[in-house]
C-alpha atoms as a PDB file:
ATOM      1  CA  MET A   1      -6.837-111.496 114.018  1.00  0.00           C
ATOM      2  CA  ARG A   2      -8.922-108.392 113.434  1.00  0.00           C
ATOM      3  CA  LEU A   3      -5.938-106.205 114.299  1.00  0.00           C
ATOM      4  CA  LYS A   4      -2.459-107.511 113.506  1.00  0.00           C
ATOM      5  CA  THR A   5       0.079-107.277 116.304  1.00  0.00           C
ATOM      6  CA  ASP A   6       2.502-105.344 114.087  1.00  0.00           C
ATOM      7  CA  TRP A   7       0.037-102.460 113.721  1.00  0.00           C
ATOM      8  CA  VAL A   8       2.187-100.250 115.974  1.00  0.00           C
ATOM      9  CA  VAL A   9       5.262-100.452 113.734  1.00  0.00           C
ATOM     10  CA  LYS A  10       3.527-100.244 110.361  1.00  0.00           C
ATOM     11  CA  ASP A  11       3.573 -97.017 108.337  1.00  0.00           C
ATOM     12  CA  PRO A  12       2.409 -94.404 108.897  1.00  0.00           C
ATOM     13  CA  ILE A  13       3.976 -94.263 112.343  1.00  0.00           C
ATOM     14  CA  ASP A  14       1.940 -91.398 113.703  1.00  0.00           C
ATOM     15  CA  LEU A  15       0.186 -91.266 117.073  1.00  0.00           C
ATOM     16  CA  GLU A  16      -2.971 -89.594 115.789  1.00  0.00           C
ATOM     17  CA  HIS A  17      -3.318 -92.084 112.939  1.00  0.00           C
ATOM     18  CA  LYS A  18      -2.797 -95.037 115.296  1.00  0.00           C
ATOM     19  CA  GLN A  19      -5.421 -93.675 117.660  1.00  0.00           C
ATOM     20  CA  TYR A  20      -7.971 -93.890 114.850  1.00  0.00           C
ATOM     21  CA  VAL A  21      -6.809 -97.433 114.014  1.00  0.00           C
ATOM     22  CA  PHE A  22      -7.227 -98.441 117.643  1.00  0.00           C
ATOM     23  CA  LEU A  23     -10.655 -96.812 117.974  1.00  0.00           C
ATOM     24  CA  ASP A  24     -11.901 -98.719 114.925  1.00  0.00           C
ATOM     25  CA  TYR A  25     -10.751-102.016 116.450  1.00  0.00           C
ATOM     26  CA  ALA A  26     -12.010-101.102 119.926  1.00  0.00           C
ATOM     27  CA  ALA A  27     -15.491-100.449 118.530  1.00  0.00           C
ATOM     28  CA  LYS A  28     -15.656-104.035 117.233  1.00  0.00           C
ATOM     29  CA  VAL A  29     -14.442-105.437 120.545  1.00  0.00           C
ATOM     30  CA  LYS A  30     -16.866-103.358 122.598  1.00  0.00           C
ATOM     31  CA  LYS A  31     -19.756-104.479 120.417  1.00  0.00           C
ATOM     32  CA  ASP A  32     -18.862-108.123 121.065  1.00  0.00           C
ATOM     33  CA  LEU A  33     -18.402-107.592 124.795  1.00  0.00           C
ATOM     34  CA  ASP A  34     -21.661-105.643 125.084  1.00  0.00           C
ATOM     35  CA  GLU A  35     -23.353-108.752 123.669  1.00  0.00           C
ATOM     36  CA  PHE A  36     -21.306-111.009 126.015  1.00  0.00           C
ATOM     37  CA  LYS A  37     -19.604-112.630 123.038  1.00  0.00           C
ATOM     38  CA  LEU A  38     -16.253-113.359 124.612  1.00  0.00           C
ATOM     39  CA  TYR A  39     -14.264-114.859 121.759  1.00  0.00           C
ATOM     40  CA  PRO A  40     -12.242-113.922 119.762  1.00  0.00           C
ATOM     41  CA  SER A  41     -11.884-110.643 121.692  1.00  0.00           C
ATOM     42  CA  PHE A  42     -10.569-112.225 124.904  1.00  0.00           C
ATOM     43  CA  GLN A  43      -7.513-113.936 123.446  1.00  0.00           C
ATOM     44  CA  GLU A  44      -6.874-111.076 120.997  1.00  0.00           C
ATOM     45  CA  LEU A  45      -6.756-108.552 123.829  1.00  0.00           C
ATOM     46  CA  ALA A  46      -4.485-110.776 125.902  1.00  0.00           C
ATOM     47  CA  LEU A  47      -2.088-110.988 122.971  1.00  0.00           C
ATOM     48  CA  HIS A  48      -2.176-107.226 122.344  1.00  0.00           C
ATOM     49  CA  VAL A  49      -1.461-106.475 126.021  1.00  0.00           C
ATOM     50  CA  ALA A  50       1.516-108.856 125.914  1.00  0.00           C
ATOM     51  CA  ASN A  51       2.700-107.344 122.627  1.00  0.00           C
ATOM     52  CA  ILE A  52       2.645-103.758 123.874  1.00  0.00           C
ATOM     53  CA  GLY A  53       4.436-104.801 127.058  1.00  0.00           C
ATOM     54  CA  ARG A  54       7.109-106.503 124.964  1.00  0.00           C
ATOM     55  CA  ILE A  55       7.638-103.353 122.882  1.00  0.00           C
ATOM     56  CA  LEU A  56       8.004-101.127 125.936  1.00  0.00           C
ATOM     57  CA  GLU A  57      10.117-103.497 128.020  1.00  0.00           C
ATOM     58  CA  ARG A  58      12.318-105.299 125.485  1.00  0.00           C
ATOM     59  CA  GLY A  59      12.109-103.393 122.217  1.00  0.00           C
ATOM     60  CA  GLU A  60      10.450-106.352 120.480  1.00  0.00           C
ATOM     61  CA  TYR A  61       7.045-106.891 118.930  1.00  0.00           C
ATOM     62  CA  ILE A  62       5.129-110.146 118.596  1.00  0.00           C
ATOM     63  CA  THR A  63       3.778-111.758 115.441  1.00  0.00           C
ATOM     64  CA  LEU A  64       2.092-115.133 114.950  1.00  0.00           C
ATOM     65  CA  ASN A  65       3.356-118.025 112.848  1.00  0.00           C
ATOM     66  CA  ARG A  66      -0.224-119.194 112.246  1.00  0.00           C
ATOM     67  CA  GLU A  67      -3.660-117.631 112.161  1.00  0.00           C
ATOM     68  CA  PRO A  68      -6.241-119.071 114.591  1.00  0.00           C
ATOM     69  CA  GLU A  69      -8.505-121.505 112.748  1.00  0.00           C
ATOM     70  CA  GLU A  70     -11.538-120.871 114.932  1.00  0.00           C
ATOM     71  CA  VAL A  71     -12.814-117.878 116.892  1.00  0.00           C
ATOM     72  CA  ASP A  72     -11.842-119.425 120.221  1.00  0.00           C
ATOM     73  CA  ASP A  73      -8.564-121.076 119.274  1.00  0.00           C
ATOM     74  CA  GLU A  74      -5.961-120.820 121.997  1.00  0.00           C
ATOM     75  CA  ILE A  75      -2.819-118.876 121.096  1.00  0.00           C
ATOM     76  CA  LEU A  76       0.128-121.006 122.173  1.00  0.00           C
ATOM     77  CA  LEU A  77       3.674-120.057 123.113  1.00  0.00           C
ATOM     78  CA  ASP A  78       4.904-121.932 120.049  1.00  0.00           C
ATOM     79  CA  ASP A  79       2.758-119.635 117.897  1.00  0.00           C
ATOM     80  CA  LEU A  80       4.660-116.516 118.960  1.00  0.00           C
ATOM     81  CA  ILE A  81       7.522-114.933 117.037  1.00  0.00           C
ATOM     82  CA  TYR A  82       9.544-112.182 118.726  1.00  0.00           C
ATOM     83  CA  ASN A  83      10.787-109.560 116.286  1.00  0.00           C
ATOM     84  CA  LYS A  84      13.500-107.058 117.161  1.00  0.00           C
ATOM     85  CA  LEU A  85      12.340-103.479 116.765  1.00  0.00           C
ATOM     86  CA  VAL A  86      14.867-101.876 114.391  1.00  0.00           C
ATOM     87  CA  VAL A  87      14.385 -98.136 113.922  1.00  0.00           C
ATOM     88  CA  LYS A  88      17.192 -95.818 112.774  1.00  0.00           C
ATOM     89  CA  GLU A  89      15.476 -92.482 113.249  1.00  0.00           C
ATOM     90  CA  LYS A  90      15.179 -91.398 116.882  1.00  0.00           C
ATOM     91  CA  GLU A  91      12.009 -89.395 116.180  1.00  0.00           C
ATOM     92  CA  VAL A  92      10.300 -92.459 114.714  1.00  0.00           C
ATOM     93  CA  PHE A  93      11.369 -94.585 117.691  1.00  0.00           C
ATOM     94  CA  ASN A  94      10.020 -91.984 120.122  1.00  0.00           C
ATOM     95  CA  GLU A  95       6.714 -91.931 118.215  1.00  0.00           C
ATOM     96  CA  ILE A  96       6.451 -95.731 118.481  1.00  0.00           C
ATOM     97  CA  ILE A  97       6.962 -95.474 122.235  1.00  0.00           C
ATOM     98  CA  LYS A  98       4.211 -92.831 122.459  1.00  0.00           C
ATOM     99  CA  ILE A  99       1.872 -95.085 120.498  1.00  0.00           C
ATOM    100  CA  ALA A 100       2.742 -98.067 122.703  1.00  0.00           C
ATOM    101  CA  LYS A 101       2.126 -96.120 125.913  1.00  0.00           C
ATOM    102  CA  PHE A 102      -1.241 -94.940 124.598  1.00  0.00           C
ATOM    103  CA  ALA A 103      -2.156 -98.477 123.505  1.00  0.00           C
ATOM    104  CA  LYS A 104      -1.051-100.076 126.783  1.00  0.00           C
ATOM    105  CA  GLU A 105      -3.581 -98.139 128.811  1.00  0.00           C
ATOM    106  CA  GLU A 106      -6.391 -98.641 126.307  1.00  0.00           C
ATOM    107  CA  PHE A 107      -5.801-102.357 125.736  1.00  0.00           C
ATOM    108  CA  THR A 108      -5.456-103.027 129.457  1.00  0.00           C
ATOM    109  CA  GLU A 109      -8.783-101.351 130.155  1.00  0.00           C
ATOM    110  CA  LEU A 110     -10.536-103.428 127.491  1.00  0.00           C
ATOM    111  CA  PHE A 111      -8.845-106.621 128.660  1.00  0.00           C
ATOM    112  CA  LEU A 112     -10.025-106.096 132.238  1.00  0.00           C
ATOM    113  CA  VAL A 113     -13.607-105.790 130.964  1.00  0.00           C
ATOM    114  CA  ALA A 114     -13.179-108.987 128.926  1.00  0.00           C
ATOM    115  CA  LYS A 115     -11.640-110.783 131.934  1.00  0.00           C
ATOM    116  CA  ALA A 116     -14.641-109.820 134.082  1.00  0.00           C
ATOM    117  CA  ILE A 117     -16.999-111.222 131.418  1.00  0.00           C
ATOM    118  CA  TRP A 118     -14.877-114.378 131.171  1.00  0.00           C
ATOM    119  CA  THR A 119     -15.190-114.893 134.936  1.00  0.00           C
ATOM    120  CA  LEU A 120     -18.942-114.317 134.805  1.00  0.00           C
ATOM    121  CA  LEU A 121     -19.375-116.720 131.893  1.00  0.00           C
ATOM    122  CA  TYR A 122     -17.024-119.356 133.297  1.00  0.00           C
ATOM    123  CA  ASP A 123     -18.855-119.368 136.622  1.00  0.00           C
ATOM    124  CA  SER A 124     -22.213-119.540 134.830  1.00  0.00           C
ATOM    125  CA  VAL A 125     -21.415-122.675 132.819  1.00  0.00           C
ATOM    126  CA  THR A 126     -21.472-126.054 134.594  1.00  0.00           C
ATOM    127  CA  ILE A 127     -20.823-129.546 133.300  1.00  0.00           C
ATOM    128  CA  ARG A 128     -21.607-133.010 134.620  1.00  0.00           C
ATOM    129  CA  VAL A 129     -21.366-136.541 133.300  1.00  0.00           C
ATOM    130  CA  ARG A 130     -24.845-137.894 132.581  1.00  0.00           C
ATOM    131  CA  TYR A 131     -23.892-141.212 131.021  1.00  0.00           C
ATOM    132  CA  ASN A 132     -21.001-143.625 131.686  1.00  0.00           C
ATOM    133  CA  GLN A 133     -20.239-141.888 134.958  1.00  0.00           C
ATOM    134  CA  LYS A 134     -18.464-145.085 136.068  1.00  0.00           C
ATOM    135  CA  ASN A 135     -15.686-144.229 133.632  1.00  0.00           C
ATOM    136  CA  SER A 136     -15.275-140.649 134.858  1.00  0.00           C
ATOM    137  CA  LEU A 137     -11.724-141.392 136.007  1.00  0.00           C
ATOM    138  CA  ASP A 138     -10.667-143.150 132.809  1.00  0.00           C
ATOM    139  CA  PHE A 139     -11.283-140.792 129.874  1.00  0.00           C
ATOM    140  CA  LYS A 140      -7.924-141.415 128.259  1.00  0.00           C
ATOM    141  CA  SER A 141      -9.621-142.004 124.911  1.00  0.00           C
ATOM    142  CA  GLY A 142     -10.118-138.230 124.863  1.00  0.00           C
ATOM    143  CA  HIS A 143     -13.437-138.206 123.070  1.00  0.00           C
ATOM    144  CA  GLY A 144     -17.146-138.376 123.770  1.00  0.00           C
ATOM    145  CA  PHE A 145     -20.308-136.304 123.542  1.00  0.00           C
ATOM    146  CA  PHE A 146     -22.042-133.404 125.237  1.00  0.00           C
ATOM    147  CA  TYR A 147     -25.380-131.665 124.896  1.00  0.00           C
ATOM    148  CA  LEU A 148     -27.118-128.499 125.963  1.00  0.00           C
ATOM    149  CA  VAL A 149     -30.478-126.808 125.583  1.00  0.00           C
ATOM    150  CA  TYR A 150     -30.402-123.463 123.782  1.00  0.00           C
ATOM    151  CA  ASN A 151     -33.407-121.465 122.517  1.00  0.00           C
ATOM    152  CA  ASN A 152     -35.712-124.406 123.280  1.00  0.00           C
ATOM    153  CA  LYS A 153     -33.600-126.707 121.139  1.00  0.00           C
ATOM    154  CA  ILE A 154     -31.363-129.528 122.221  1.00  0.00           C
ATOM    155  CA  ILE A 155     -27.965-129.523 120.539  1.00  0.00           C
ATOM    156  CA  ILE A 156     -25.640-132.508 120.710  1.00  0.00           C
ATOM    157  CA  TYR A 157     -21.917-132.359 119.954  1.00  0.00           C
ATOM    158  CA  TYR A 158     -19.131-134.840 119.497  1.00  0.00           C
ATOM    159  CA  PHE A 159     -15.795-133.802 121.021  1.00  0.00           C
ATOM    160  CA  LYS A 160     -12.257-135.058 120.624  1.00  0.00           C
ATOM    161  CA  ILE A 161      -9.147-133.835 122.411  1.00  0.00           C
ATOM    162  CA  ASP A 162      -6.116-133.727 120.135  1.00  0.00           C
ATOM    163  CA  ARG A 163      -2.529-132.770 120.744  1.00  0.00           C
ATOM    164  CA  LEU A 164      -1.833-129.768 118.539  1.00  0.00           C
ATOM    165  CA  LYS A 165       1.759-130.608 117.700  1.00  0.00           C
ATOM    166  CA  GLU A 166       4.099-133.525 118.169  1.00  0.00           C
ATOM    167  CA  ASN A 167       6.447-133.219 121.161  1.00  0.00           C
ATOM    168  CA  ASN A 168       4.137-130.562 122.610  1.00  0.00           C
ATOM    169  CA  SER A 169       1.872-130.829 125.640  1.00  0.00           C
ATOM    170  CA  GLU A 170      -0.665-128.318 124.278  1.00  0.00           C
ATOM    171  CA  ASN A 171      -4.066-129.778 123.459  1.00  0.00           C
ATOM    172  CA  LYS A 172      -7.214-128.668 121.692  1.00  0.00           C
ATOM    173  CA  CYS A 173     -10.816-129.784 122.138  1.00  0.00           C
ATOM    174  CA  ILE A 174     -12.297-130.236 118.662  1.00  0.00           C
ATOM    175  CA  VAL A 175     -16.096-130.063 118.555  1.00  0.00           C
ATOM    176  CA  GLU A 176     -18.562-131.098 115.870  1.00  0.00           C
ATOM    177  CA  LYS A 177     -22.338-130.727 116.045  1.00  0.00           C
ATOM    178  CA  ILE A 178     -24.180-133.934 115.210  1.00  0.00           C
ATOM    179  CA  TYR A 179     -27.784-133.089 116.108  1.00  0.00           C
ATOM    180  CA  GLU A 180     -30.145-130.172 116.731  1.00  0.00           C
ATOM    181  CA  GLY A 181     -33.844-130.603 117.440  1.00  0.00           C
ATOM    182  CA  LEU A 182     -36.789-129.569 119.595  1.00  0.00           C
ATOM    183  CA  TYR A 183     -36.176-129.985 123.303  1.00  0.00           C
ATOM    184  CA  ASN A 184     -39.799-131.012 123.996  1.00  0.00           C
ATOM    185  CA  ASP A 185     -39.150-134.308 122.220  1.00  0.00           C
ATOM    186  CA  ILE A 186     -36.421-135.285 124.719  1.00  0.00           C
ATOM    187  CA  ARG A 187     -37.468-136.966 127.951  1.00  0.00           C
ATOM    188  CA  ASN A 188     -34.347-138.426 129.541  1.00  0.00           C
ATOM    189  CA  ILE A 189     -30.702-139.351 129.067  1.00  0.00           C
ATOM    190  CA  ASP A 190     -31.681-142.546 127.236  1.00  0.00           C
ATOM    191  CA  ASP A 191     -33.265-140.362 124.546  1.00  0.00           C
ATOM    192  CA  ILE A 192     -29.977-138.451 124.259  1.00  0.00           C
ATOM    193  CA  LYS A 193     -28.016-141.692 123.998  1.00  0.00           C
ATOM    194  CA  ASN A 194     -30.333-143.052 121.306  1.00  0.00           C
ATOM    195  CA  ILE A 195     -30.018-139.847 119.264  1.00  0.00           C
ATOM    196  CA  ILE A 196     -26.224-140.164 119.480  1.00  0.00           C
ATOM    197  CA  LEU A 197     -26.379-143.806 118.385  1.00  0.00           C
ATOM    198  CA  LYS A 198     -28.437-142.783 115.356  1.00  0.00           C
ATOM    199  CA  ASN A 199     -26.300-139.773 114.411  1.00  0.00           C
ATOM    200  CA  HIS A 200     -22.710-140.541 115.437  1.00  0.00           C
ATOM    201  CA  THR A 201     -21.872-141.872 111.958  1.00  0.00           C
ATOM    202  CA  LEU A 202     -22.295-138.307 110.658  1.00  0.00           C
ATOM    203  CA  ILE A 203     -18.962-137.391 112.227  1.00  0.00           C
ATOM    204  CA  ASP A 204     -16.610-136.878 109.301  1.00  0.00           C
ATOM    205  CA  GLY A 205     -13.623-139.211 109.289  1.00  0.00           C
ATOM    206  CA  VAL A 206     -14.419-140.773 112.678  1.00  0.00           C
ATOM    207  CA  TYR A 207     -15.576-144.301 113.327  1.00  0.00           C
ATOM    208  CA  THR A 208     -17.021-144.981 116.760  1.00  0.00           C
ATOM    209  CA  ALA A 209     -18.485-148.403 117.499  1.00  0.00           C
ATOM    210  CA  GLU A 210     -21.936-148.405 119.080  1.00  0.00           C
ATOM    211  CA  LYS A 211     -20.629-150.742 121.779  1.00  0.00           C
ATOM    212  CA  GLN A 212     -18.035-148.128 122.712  1.00  0.00           C
ATOM    213  CA  ILE A 213     -20.745-145.469 123.062  1.00  0.00           C
ATOM    214  CA  GLU A 214     -22.927-147.797 125.130  1.00  0.00           C
ATOM    215  CA  ASP A 215     -20.220-148.984 127.505  1.00  0.00           C
ATOM    216  CA  PHE A 216     -17.484-146.397 127.638  1.00  0.00           C
ATOM    217  CA  LEU A 217     -17.730-142.939 126.067  1.00  0.00           C
ATOM    218  CA  PRO A 218     -18.983-140.171 128.371  1.00  0.00           C
ATOM    219  CA  ILE A 219     -21.976-137.959 127.660  1.00  0.00           C
ATOM    220  CA  PHE A 220     -21.771-134.577 129.368  1.00  0.00           C
ATOM    221  CA  GLU A 221     -24.629-132.209 130.096  1.00  0.00           C
ATOM    222  CA  ILE A 222     -23.891-128.482 129.829  1.00  0.00           C
ATOM    223  CA  LYS A 223     -25.948-125.976 131.790  1.00  0.00           C
ATOM    224  CA  TYR A 224     -25.675-122.219 132.119  1.00  0.00           C
ATOM    225  CA  GLU A 225     -27.232-119.638 134.420  1.00  0.00           C
ATOM    226  CA  GLN A 226     -27.591-116.766 131.949  1.00  0.00           C
ATOM    227  CA  HIS A 227     -28.444-116.626 128.251  1.00  0.00           C
ATOM    228  CA  PHE A 228     -25.018-115.852 126.822  1.00  0.00           C
ATOM    229  CA  PRO A 229     -24.200-116.259 123.110  1.00  0.00           C
ATOM    230  CA  LEU A 230     -23.607-119.874 122.107  1.00  0.00           C
ATOM    231  CA  GLU A 231     -20.745-119.329 119.637  1.00  0.00           C
ATOM    232  CA  GLY A 232     -17.863-117.437 121.201  1.00  0.00           C
ATOM    233  CA  GLY A 233     -19.497-117.811 124.603  1.00  0.00           C
ATOM    234  CA  ILE A 234     -21.126-120.877 126.184  1.00  0.00           C
ATOM    235  CA  LEU A 235     -19.724-123.352 123.669  1.00  0.00           C
ATOM    236  CA  SER A 236     -16.186-121.995 124.025  1.00  0.00           C
ATOM    237  CA  ILE A 237     -16.291-122.272 127.814  1.00  0.00           C
ATOM    238  CA  ALA A 238     -17.885-125.739 127.661  1.00  0.00           C
ATOM    239  CA  ARG A 239     -15.034-127.029 125.494  1.00  0.00           C
ATOM    240  CA  ARG A 240     -12.462-125.787 127.986  1.00  0.00           C
ATOM    241  CA  LYS A 241     -14.331-127.140 131.002  1.00  0.00           C
ATOM    242  CA  ILE A 242     -14.696-130.595 129.454  1.00  0.00           C
ATOM    243  CA  MET A 243     -11.002-130.708 128.600  1.00  0.00           C
ATOM    244  CA  ASN A 244     -10.063-129.588 132.128  1.00  0.00           C
ATOM    245  CA  TYR A 245     -12.432-132.166 133.633  1.00  0.00           C
ATOM    246  CA  ILE A 246     -10.912-135.018 131.642  1.00  0.00           C
ATOM    247  CA  PHE A 247      -7.317-134.078 132.399  1.00  0.00           C
ATOM    248  CA  GLN A 248      -8.139-133.614 136.080  1.00  0.00           C
ATOM    249  CA  SER A 249      -9.900-137.008 136.106  1.00  0.00           C
ATOM    250  CA  ILE A 250      -6.810-138.666 134.650  1.00  0.00           C
ATOM    251  CA  LYS A 251      -4.625-137.064 137.341  1.00  0.00           C
ATOM    252  CA  ILE A 252      -6.986-138.224 140.086  1.00  0.00           C
ATOM    253  CA  LYS A 253      -6.969-141.757 138.695  1.00  0.00           C
ATOM    254  CA  ASP A 254      -3.175-141.776 138.541  1.00  0.00           C
ATOM    255  CA  LEU A 255      -2.983-140.546 142.143  1.00  0.00           C
ATOM    256  CA  LYS A 256      -5.327-143.294 143.294  1.00  0.00           C
ATOM    257  CA  ASN A 257      -3.175-145.888 141.552  1.00  0.00           C
ATOM    258  CA  ASP A 258       0.010-144.733 143.282  1.00  0.00           C
END
């Protein structure tokens, strides 16, 4: 986090000082959003909006029990700690409320900009299964491959969907790049498959049999309508769309079996 959620209650508790702290953070966020780099700003802003609302409505502020490992890590409900706001001096408490009211308006405005960019980016990115389409309703293995063309290069990734914690339904799509090369050398999906067969052993700690790739694992193609940033942009949305596609496919399969 580039701005900790406890920034409101940290000394010095002074509205003018906090305005400068916010402006410094806002400048970083605006720079990212101007470049259409959505993450980590999007989830940070969502958390800050929730945090300020919690201060004003319940007299509590939010902290995290873990730092996000990647720029587009989801912040889960289990990650949140609610801390009671304990302030003895009435003047200090009133100053915190002033700071929170100032921050609420500013954070909300930034978040609405980020949400508009998220919608634009999400609508721009499309996915489709290019190989092993016959298994599109049976992706319970939770892993496979996807590729995209970016700056005249083809980039191929391995993905795996993992449950973040035991006894928790929250999942994460872990992605690892296995190949990057000139797009002009690629003619069809068979070329993509052959590159994967040659490079899949580079995946650290993962063994995938070639027969499994040939007969079962999906290969997705990612396309996008506008040239957004790859990291913190297209790649982040692609991960979410693939995960949503697989979970939706499983639900459809289960419905058909009922």
